[in-house]
Amino acid sequence: MRPDLAELLADAHVVSLPMRVRFRGITAREAVVLRGPRGWTEFSPFVEYDDAEAAAWLRATIDFGWVAHEPAAESVPVNATVPAVEPSRVAELLGRYPGCTTAKVKVAEPGTTVDDDVARVAEVRRVMGPDAAVRVDANGLWSVDEAVVALERLAAFDLQYAEQPVASIPELAELRSRTDGLGVRIAADESVRKASDPLAVARAGAADVLVVKAQPLGGMTAAAAIVAEAGLPCVVSSALDTSVGLGMGAFLAARSMASGFAAGLGTAAMFAADVTADPLFPVGGRIPVRRVDVDHDRLERHAASPDRTAWWLDRVRRVHAALAA
């Protein structure tokens, strides 16, 4: 199903939402939220992605806004997210995720060191206690040798897994072999969502866990099919979505998540503003599985500048034309 451009943009709004802390190098998240016959949906590929990569995100937009999806649960457990901050800020940030017993900690941030990562993870473990699940995410920024050194030190904190510690599938396979005795699972994220074949990493035996994201994988329908075929535990995570996009992820997580893992869908807590009066904030360590209604006053208050609005709407037009072709 593919609506024509006029239908797609009939009720579309470009927003720029301020963030509480810098994440992925940005302090404001831009997105297009638009209404389809099934409810509000979202198009928010990162600005550096080309139109070919953004096409999967538009397929997800259409899938959630134009296709009926029934919630498979009332709520899903989520993790807290700790950016690459000083240890002194960890307790404050974790306080925004009430009830969460899992934390994902960003590591390998450019300009920081392994010592910084160890100090941050140590503080997360101290604040959350010995029974919490702690994962780290390097976004593929370590070499294999760097990852071996880092994971040897971080393993002392009983990691649930290390997410995309290195960039490529062959590197993941090598790292998994070299760190086999550490007891740290290797999870793949970019090697799933940015790959021409999202199942290649599973077929190569290069990961223990797959991280799946609804928008980059083409939406609920496509992502659920990948999870079903993967043969590995899968964790549904966000792509720094607004609460509208987090709702899409929650539907996917309720249908597809591996038992015992928390979804990475608590990231509304990282925003200083949202498009709805009822954001999908974690409560009791969980978020509800529901569609989100936007608040038009907030759309106006956080509307992107005219030039950025024009940039995003032109991007939608180009990607829609590419899908039609």
Protein backbone atom coordinates (compact mmCIF):
# COMPACT_ATOMS: atom_id res chain seq x y z
CA MET A 1 0.00 0.00 0.00
CA ARG A 2 1.40 3.39 -0.99
CA PRO A 3 -0.66 6.60 -0.63
CA ASP A 4 -0.11 9.29 -3.22
CA LEU A 5 1.96 12.31 -2.22
CA ALA A 6 -1.01 14.59 -1.61
CA GLU A 7 -2.57 12.08 0.80
CA LEU A 8 0.75 11.51 2.52
CA LEU A 9 1.31 15.23 3.16
CA ALA A 10 -2.29 16.22 3.82
CA ASP A 11 -1.68 16.51 7.57
CA ALA A 12 2.12 16.57 7.90
CA HIS A 13 4.14 18.63 10.38
CA VAL A 14 7.90 19.12 10.70
CA VAL A 15 9.11 19.54 14.27
CA SER A 16 12.40 20.20 16.02
CA LEU A 17 12.39 18.79 19.55
CA PRO A 18 15.02 19.93 22.07
CA MET A 19 16.93 17.19 23.89
CA ARG A 20 18.00 17.19 27.52
CA VAL A 21 21.53 16.04 26.66
CA ARG A 22 23.57 15.81 23.48
CA PHE A 23 23.05 12.43 21.80
CA ARG A 24 24.49 11.21 18.49
CA GLY A 25 26.05 14.66 18.29
CA ILE A 26 22.71 16.52 18.22
CA THR A 27 20.82 18.66 20.72
CA ALA A 28 17.53 18.85 18.77
CA ARG A 29 15.76 16.04 16.94
CA GLU A 30 13.93 16.87 13.71
CA ALA A 31 11.08 14.70 12.47
CA VAL A 32 7.97 14.70 10.32
CA VAL A 33 4.80 13.51 12.02
CA LEU A 34 1.80 12.92 9.79
CA ARG A 35 -1.64 11.41 10.02
CA GLY A 36 -2.80 8.40 8.06
CA PRO A 37 -6.15 6.61 8.14
CA ARG A 38 -4.92 4.38 11.00
CA GLY A 39 -3.51 7.21 13.11
CA TRP A 40 -0.39 9.32 13.56
CA THR A 41 2.88 8.05 12.17
CA GLU A 42 6.43 9.35 11.76
CA PHE A 43 9.20 9.87 9.18
CA SER A 44 12.54 10.74 10.79
CA PRO A 45 15.62 9.29 9.08
CA PHE A 46 18.74 11.00 10.35
CA VAL A 47 19.73 13.98 8.25
CA GLU A 48 22.96 12.39 7.00
CA TYR A 49 21.13 9.41 5.45
CA ASP A 50 20.68 9.49 1.68
CA ASP A 51 17.35 9.00 -0.05
CA ALA A 52 17.97 5.32 -0.72
CA GLU A 53 18.42 4.61 2.98
CA ALA A 54 15.54 6.91 3.91
CA ALA A 55 13.20 4.88 1.68
CA ALA A 56 12.91 2.15 4.34
CA TRP A 57 11.87 4.80 6.87
CA LEU A 58 9.11 6.05 4.56
CA ARG A 59 7.87 2.49 4.07
CA ALA A 60 7.65 2.29 7.87
CA THR A 61 5.74 5.59 7.98
CA ILE A 62 3.19 4.23 5.54
CA ASP A 63 3.00 0.81 7.18
CA PHE A 64 2.10 2.29 10.57
CA GLY A 65 -0.22 5.01 9.29
CA TRP A 66 -2.06 3.09 6.59
CA VAL A 67 -2.06 -0.55 7.81
CA ALA A 68 -4.02 -1.90 10.78
CA HIS A 69 -1.86 -3.28 13.62
CA GLU A 70 -3.29 -4.72 16.82
CA PRO A 71 -1.35 -4.43 20.10
CA ALA A 72 -0.10 -7.81 21.29
CA ALA A 73 0.34 -6.65 24.92
CA GLU A 74 -0.65 -3.75 27.14
CA SER A 75 2.92 -2.65 27.84
CA VAL A 76 6.57 -3.61 27.31
CA PRO A 77 9.62 -3.29 29.60
CA VAL A 78 12.20 -0.69 28.55
CA ASN A 79 15.76 0.23 29.41
CA ALA A 80 17.22 3.49 30.65
CA THR A 81 19.67 5.17 28.26
CA VAL A 82 22.85 6.81 29.54
CA PRO A 83 24.69 8.98 26.99
CA ALA A 84 28.44 9.55 27.15
CA VAL A 85 28.27 11.80 30.19
CA GLU A 86 30.46 12.31 33.22
CA PRO A 87 29.83 9.82 36.05
CA SER A 88 28.53 12.67 38.20
CA ARG A 89 25.48 12.96 35.90
CA VAL A 90 24.58 9.27 35.85
CA ALA A 91 22.27 9.21 38.88
CA GLU A 92 20.34 12.25 37.62
CA LEU A 93 19.81 10.67 34.18
CA LEU A 94 18.77 7.30 35.58
CA GLY A 95 16.21 9.10 37.72
CA ARG A 96 14.26 9.91 34.56
CA TYR A 97 13.56 6.20 34.02
CA PRO A 98 11.54 5.17 37.09
CA GLY A 99 11.32 1.45 37.62
CA CYS A 100 13.76 0.53 34.86
CA THR A 101 16.03 -2.37 35.80
CA THR A 102 18.08 -2.32 32.57
CA ALA A 103 20.41 0.43 31.35
CA LYS A 104 22.11 0.95 28.01
CA VAL A 105 25.32 2.96 28.34
CA LYS A 106 26.93 4.74 25.41
CA VAL A 107 30.67 4.07 25.06
CA ALA A 108 33.40 4.80 22.49
CA GLU A 109 32.20 8.38 22.07
CA PRO A 110 34.71 10.38 19.98
CA GLY A 111 36.92 12.44 22.27
CA THR A 112 36.56 10.05 25.21
CA THR A 113 38.71 7.15 26.42
CA VAL A 114 38.18 3.60 27.66
CA ASP A 115 38.89 4.92 31.14
CA ASP A 116 35.93 7.28 30.71
CA ASP A 117 33.74 4.38 29.58
CA VAL A 118 34.78 2.23 32.52
CA ALA A 119 34.05 5.04 34.98
CA ARG A 120 30.60 5.64 33.44
CA VAL A 121 29.63 1.96 33.43
CA ALA A 122 30.96 1.52 36.96
CA GLU A 123 28.76 4.37 38.16
CA VAL A 124 25.70 2.92 36.40
CA ARG A 125 26.34 -0.41 38.10
CA ARG A 126 26.81 1.29 41.47
CA VAL A 127 23.59 3.32 41.18
CA MET A 128 21.44 0.48 39.80
CA GLY A 129 22.85 -2.29 41.97
CA PRO A 130 24.06 -5.82 41.27
CA ASP A 131 20.76 -7.20 39.97
CA ALA A 132 20.28 -4.67 37.13
CA ALA A 133 21.04 -5.55 33.52
CA VAL A 134 23.69 -3.27 32.01
CA ARG A 135 24.47 -3.13 28.29
CA VAL A 136 26.93 -0.96 26.39
CA ASP A 137 26.63 0.47 22.88
CA ALA A 138 29.70 1.52 20.87
CA ASN A 139 27.93 2.25 17.55
CA GLY A 140 30.68 0.36 15.70
CA LEU A 141 33.40 2.85 16.67
CA TRP A 142 36.01 0.47 18.06
CA SER A 143 38.50 -1.57 16.07
CA VAL A 144 38.61 -5.26 16.95
CA ASP A 145 41.73 -4.76 19.06
CA GLU A 146 40.21 -1.76 20.85
CA ALA A 147 37.01 -3.69 21.48
CA VAL A 148 38.92 -6.64 22.98
CA VAL A 149 40.73 -4.34 25.41
CA ALA A 150 37.54 -2.44 26.31
CA LEU A 151 35.39 -5.52 26.82
CA GLU A 152 38.07 -7.19 28.94
CA ARG A 153 37.76 -4.25 31.31
CA LEU A 154 34.00 -3.77 31.07
CA ALA A 155 33.22 -7.47 31.56
CA ALA A 156 33.86 -6.96 35.28
CA PHE A 157 30.50 -5.14 35.43
CA ASP A 158 28.52 -8.20 34.29
CA LEU A 159 27.32 -6.84 30.94
CA GLN A 160 24.13 -8.19 29.41
CA TYR A 161 25.65 -7.55 25.98
CA ALA A 162 27.83 -5.18 23.97
CA GLU A 163 25.94 -3.58 21.10
CA GLN A 164 27.74 -3.10 17.77
CA PRO A 165 31.22 -2.88 19.32
CA VAL A 166 32.84 -2.97 15.85
CA ALA A 167 31.61 -1.91 12.44
CA SER A 168 31.46 -4.89 10.08
CA ILE A 169 30.11 -8.42 10.16
CA PRO A 170 33.59 -10.02 9.73
CA GLU A 171 34.85 -7.86 12.62
CA LEU A 172 31.91 -8.89 14.78
CA ALA A 173 32.66 -12.55 14.06
CA GLU A 174 36.35 -12.10 14.91
CA LEU A 175 35.56 -10.20 18.11
CA ARG A 176 33.02 -12.81 19.17
CA SER A 177 35.70 -15.48 18.75
CA ARG A 178 38.38 -13.51 20.59
CA THR A 179 36.16 -12.62 23.57
CA ASP A 180 34.42 -15.98 23.89
CA GLY A 181 35.66 -16.52 27.44
CA LEU A 182 34.50 -13.15 28.79
CA GLY A 183 30.82 -14.05 29.02
CA VAL A 184 29.77 -10.90 27.12
CA ARG A 185 27.19 -11.42 24.40
CA ILE A 186 27.74 -9.53 21.14
CA ALA A 187 24.71 -7.69 19.75
CA ALA A 188 24.35 -6.31 16.21
CA ASP A 189 22.52 -3.06 15.46
CA GLU A 190 23.97 -1.19 12.48
CA SER A 191 24.86 -4.54 10.92
CA VAL A 192 21.12 -5.24 10.88
CA ARG A 193 19.44 -1.92 10.11
CA LYS A 194 22.00 -0.55 7.65
CA ALA A 195 22.69 -3.81 5.80
CA SER A 196 21.32 -4.75 2.40
CA ASP A 197 20.59 -8.14 3.98
CA PRO A 198 19.56 -7.61 7.63
CA LEU A 199 19.84 -11.35 8.31
CA ALA A 200 23.42 -11.68 7.05
CA VAL A 201 24.90 -11.15 10.52
CA ALA A 202 22.75 -13.96 11.94
CA ARG A 203 23.67 -16.32 9.10
CA ALA A 204 27.36 -15.55 9.66
CA GLY A 205 27.15 -16.48 13.35
CA ALA A 206 28.59 -13.05 14.12
CA ALA A 207 26.20 -12.03 16.91
CA ASP A 208 24.32 -13.47 19.86
CA VAL A 209 21.54 -10.85 19.85
CA LEU A 210 19.97 -8.70 17.12
CA VAL A 211 18.82 -5.14 17.77
CA VAL A 212 15.91 -4.25 15.49
CA LYS A 213 14.36 -0.84 14.86
CA ALA A 214 11.00 -0.40 13.21
CA GLN A 215 11.66 2.66 11.04
CA PRO A 216 15.06 1.71 9.56
CA LEU A 217 13.83 -1.81 8.74
CA GLY A 218 10.78 -0.66 6.78
CA GLY A 219 8.13 -0.80 9.49
CA MET A 220 6.21 -3.21 11.68
CA THR A 221 5.45 -5.76 9.00
CA ALA A 222 8.97 -5.98 7.56
CA ALA A 223 10.74 -5.89 10.93
CA ALA A 224 8.50 -8.58 12.43
CA ALA A 225 9.33 -10.84 9.47
CA ILE A 226 13.06 -10.31 10.09
CA VAL A 227 12.65 -11.18 13.78
CA ALA A 228 10.71 -14.32 12.91
CA GLU A 229 13.43 -15.52 10.56
CA ALA A 230 16.50 -14.48 12.54
CA GLY A 231 16.68 -17.44 14.91
CA LEU A 232 18.32 -15.21 17.56
CA PRO A 233 17.00 -13.22 20.52
CA CYS A 234 15.91 -9.79 19.28
CA VAL A 235 15.67 -6.50 21.15
CA VAL A 236 13.49 -3.74 19.71
CA SER A 237 15.04 -0.30 20.07
CA SER A 238 14.27 3.27 19.05
CA ALA A 239 15.89 5.44 16.45
CA LEU A 240 15.59 8.52 18.67
CA ASP A 241 11.95 8.80 17.63
CA THR A 242 9.27 11.10 18.95
CA SER A 243 6.58 9.40 21.02
CA VAL A 244 4.72 8.71 17.76
CA GLY A 245 7.62 6.62 16.47
CA LEU A 246 8.12 5.04 19.89
CA GLY A 247 4.53 3.85 19.64
CA MET A 248 5.45 2.06 16.42
CA GLY A 249 8.36 0.42 18.20
CA ALA A 250 6.17 -0.60 21.14
CA PHE A 251 3.77 -2.41 18.80
CA LEU A 252 6.74 -4.26 17.30
CA ALA A 253 8.26 -5.07 20.70
CA ALA A 254 4.98 -6.48 22.04
CA ARG A 255 4.86 -8.80 19.06
CA SER A 256 8.51 -9.72 18.64
CA MET A 257 10.69 -9.17 21.72
CA ALA A 258 12.82 -11.90 23.24
CA SER A 259 11.78 -12.83 26.76
CA GLY A 260 14.01 -11.44 29.47
CA PHE A 261 15.23 -8.42 27.49
CA ALA A 262 14.01 -4.85 27.89
CA ALA A 263 13.27 -2.81 24.78
CA GLY A 264 15.25 0.32 24.01
CA LEU A 265 12.08 2.40 23.78
CA GLY A 266 12.29 4.62 26.86
CA THR A 267 14.00 7.45 24.99
CA ALA A 268 11.14 9.95 25.33
CA ALA A 269 12.86 10.68 28.65
CA MET A 270 15.78 12.15 26.69
CA PHE A 271 13.61 14.88 25.16
CA ALA A 272 12.78 18.22 26.77
CA ALA A 273 9.62 18.38 24.63
CA ASP A 274 7.48 16.06 22.54
CA VAL A 275 4.63 16.21 20.03
CA THR A 276 2.03 14.91 22.46
CA ALA A 277 0.60 15.89 25.82
CA ASP A 278 1.00 12.25 26.93
CA PRO A 279 4.52 11.11 25.93
CA LEU A 280 5.55 7.48 26.20
CA PHE A 281 7.62 8.02 29.35
CA PRO A 282 8.69 4.92 31.27
CA VAL A 283 6.52 4.23 34.30
CA GLY A 284 7.35 1.27 36.49
CA GLY A 285 10.03 0.36 33.98
CA ARG A 286 7.52 -0.04 31.13
CA ILE A 287 5.80 1.95 28.38
CA PRO A 288 2.26 1.29 27.12
CA VAL A 289 1.58 -0.25 23.72
CA ARG A 290 -0.69 2.33 22.12
CA ARG A 291 -0.92 4.82 19.31
CA VAL A 292 -0.07 8.38 20.26
CA ASP A 293 -2.26 11.38 19.50
CA VAL A 294 -0.37 14.59 18.81
CA ASP A 295 -1.12 17.94 20.39
CA HIS A 296 -1.45 20.72 17.84
CA ASP A 297 -0.28 23.41 20.26
CA ARG A 298 2.96 21.47 20.66
CA LEU A 299 3.28 21.04 16.91
CA GLU A 300 3.13 24.81 16.55
CA ARG A 301 5.41 25.50 19.51
CA HIS A 302 8.10 23.15 18.25
CA ALA A 303 7.66 23.65 14.53
CA ALA A 304 10.93 23.55 12.61
CA SER A 305 12.14 26.72 10.94
CA PRO A 306 10.71 27.46 7.48
CA ASP A 307 13.92 26.42 5.71
CA ARG A 308 14.15 23.15 7.66
CA THR A 309 10.46 22.46 7.05
CA ALA A 310 11.00 22.96 3.32
CA TRP A 311 14.06 20.67 3.45
CA TRP A 312 12.10 17.85 5.12
CA LEU A 313 9.05 18.12 2.89
CA ASP A 314 11.26 18.09 -0.20
CA ARG A 315 12.95 15.00 1.21
CA VAL A 316 9.56 13.29 1.61
CA ARG A 317 8.73 14.14 -2.01
CA ARG A 318 11.99 12.73 -3.32
CA VAL A 319 11.81 9.52 -1.29
CA HIS A 320 8.15 9.02 -2.20
CA ALA A 321 9.06 9.37 -5.87
CA ALA A 322 11.87 6.83 -5.41
CA LEU A 323 9.41 4.34 -3.88
CA ALA A 324 6.98 4.89 -6.73
CA ALA A 325 9.75 4.21 -9.22
